Amino acid sequence: MNRYSRSHLGDQELLRQLAATVAREHTATAELLADLAEVDGRRLYLPQGFPSMYEYCLRVLHLSEDAAFKRIRAARAAREFPAIFEAVARGRLHLSGVVTLAPHLTPENAQELL
């Protein structure tokens, strides 16, 4: 059976599976941001021979330029404002939203804006 075929699923089962997959994706994105934030904070890309986190994401993680940019920006913002991790994990905030919101976050307004 083709791993990506869904034709064998009933309508309700397919809808449940879709919702579960989206929830896992949100959680995985938050975990990815946490990993990137920690690697970036420790500058672990340097001993690997890369001058920046961006280059590491492109060359090792094989992210597109846009994907690397968004994830690094979001990870850095989440490191500064950890509530971002939970907002992403719960699906209340997406990467583009984090990137757009991050420059406006301060310790005084983060709770309210997030």
Protein backbone atom coordinates (compact mmCIF):
# COMPACT_ATOMS: atom_id res chain seq x y z
CA MET A 1 0.00 0.00 0.00
CA ASN A 2 1.21 3.50 -0.81
CA ARG A 3 2.09 5.25 2.46
CA TYR A 4 0.56 8.48 1.24
CA SER A 5 -2.66 7.10 -0.16
CA ARG A 6 -5.74 8.01 1.84
CA SER A 7 -8.37 6.50 -0.47
CA HIS A 8 -8.93 3.58 1.91
CA LEU A 9 -10.00 5.83 4.80
CA GLY A 10 -13.60 6.67 5.56
CA ASP A 11 -14.58 10.32 5.66
CA GLN A 12 -14.64 10.67 9.45
CA GLU A 13 -11.40 8.73 9.90
CA LEU A 14 -9.70 10.93 7.29
CA LEU A 15 -10.89 14.10 9.04
CA ARG A 16 -9.68 12.82 12.43
CA GLN A 17 -6.33 11.87 10.93
CA LEU A 18 -5.99 15.27 9.31
CA ALA A 19 -6.64 17.07 12.59
CA ALA A 20 -4.13 14.84 14.39
CA THR A 21 -1.52 15.42 11.71
CA VAL A 22 -1.93 19.19 11.93
CA ALA A 23 -1.58 19.04 15.73
CA ARG A 24 1.62 16.99 15.37
CA GLU A 25 2.93 19.47 12.82
CA HIS A 26 2.38 22.41 15.21
CA THR A 27 4.15 20.54 18.01
CA ALA A 28 6.99 19.51 15.71
CA THR A 29 7.42 23.11 14.55
CA ALA A 30 7.68 24.33 18.15
CA GLU A 31 10.23 21.61 18.91
CA LEU A 32 12.20 22.52 15.79
CA LEU A 33 12.27 26.15 16.92
CA ALA A 34 13.49 25.08 20.36
CA ASP A 35 16.28 23.00 18.81
CA LEU A 36 17.29 25.78 16.44
CA ALA A 37 17.26 28.33 19.26
CA GLU A 38 19.56 26.19 21.39
CA VAL A 39 21.95 25.35 18.53
CA ASP A 40 22.04 29.04 17.61
CA GLY A 41 22.55 30.14 21.20
CA ARG A 42 25.43 27.71 21.66
CA ARG A 43 26.77 28.62 18.20
CA LEU A 44 27.20 24.93 17.41
CA TYR A 45 27.35 25.69 13.71
CA LEU A 46 30.85 27.18 14.13
CA PRO A 47 32.66 23.93 15.06
CA GLN A 48 30.82 22.31 12.15
CA GLY A 49 32.58 24.75 9.81
CA PHE A 50 29.73 27.16 9.09
CA PRO A 51 29.99 30.91 9.62
CA SER A 52 26.33 31.33 10.51
CA MET A 53 23.20 29.54 11.60
CA TYR A 54 21.71 30.47 8.25
CA GLU A 55 24.44 28.67 6.32
CA TYR A 56 24.11 25.64 8.60
CA CYS A 57 20.37 25.50 7.92
CA LEU A 58 20.92 25.72 4.18
CA ARG A 59 23.80 23.27 3.86
CA VAL A 60 23.15 20.71 6.59
CA LEU A 61 19.41 20.86 7.20
CA HIS A 62 18.65 21.49 3.50
CA LEU A 63 16.12 24.19 4.25
CA SER A 64 15.25 26.69 1.55
CA GLU A 65 16.50 30.23 2.03
CA ASP A 66 13.04 31.41 3.05
CA ALA A 67 12.46 28.48 5.40
CA ALA A 68 15.84 29.00 7.06
CA PHE A 69 15.26 32.73 7.47
CA LYS A 70 11.80 32.32 9.01
CA ARG A 71 12.78 29.52 11.35
CA ILE A 72 15.92 31.25 12.59
CA ARG A 73 14.07 34.52 13.18
CA ALA A 74 11.25 32.70 14.94
CA ALA A 75 13.67 30.62 17.03
CA ARG A 76 15.55 33.71 18.16
CA ALA A 77 12.33 35.47 19.07
CA ALA A 78 11.10 32.40 20.96
CA ARG A 79 14.37 32.17 22.86
CA GLU A 80 13.78 35.73 24.03
CA PHE A 81 10.04 35.25 24.54
CA PRO A 82 9.45 31.55 25.41
CA ALA A 83 5.66 31.92 25.24
CA ILE A 84 6.12 31.79 21.46
CA PHE A 85 6.97 28.08 21.68
CA GLU A 86 3.64 27.26 23.28
CA ALA A 87 1.69 29.54 20.93
CA VAL A 88 3.21 27.76 17.92
CA ALA A 89 2.69 24.31 19.46
CA ARG A 90 -0.99 25.08 20.03
CA GLY A 91 -1.42 26.48 16.53
CA ARG A 92 -2.26 29.98 17.77
CA LEU A 93 0.75 31.47 16.01
CA HIS A 94 2.50 30.43 12.80
CA LEU A 95 6.03 31.14 11.60
CA SER A 96 5.09 34.10 9.42
CA GLY A 97 3.17 35.55 12.34
CA VAL A 98 6.16 35.17 14.64
CA VAL A 99 8.46 36.84 12.12
CA THR A 100 6.02 39.72 11.66
CA LEU A 101 5.34 40.13 15.38
CA ALA A 102 8.87 39.65 16.74
CA PRO A 103 10.24 43.14 16.02
CA HIS A 104 7.38 44.64 18.02
CA LEU A 105 7.69 42.43 21.11
CA THR A 106 9.03 43.86 24.32
CA PRO A 107 9.07 42.43 27.84
CA GLU A 108 6.25 44.86 28.63
CA ASN A 109 3.91 43.90 25.78
CA ALA A 110 4.79 40.27 24.98
CA GLN A 111 2.20 38.74 27.29
CA GLU A 112 -0.58 40.82 25.77
CA LEU A 113 0.47 40.42 22.14
CA LEU A 114 1.14 36.70 22.38
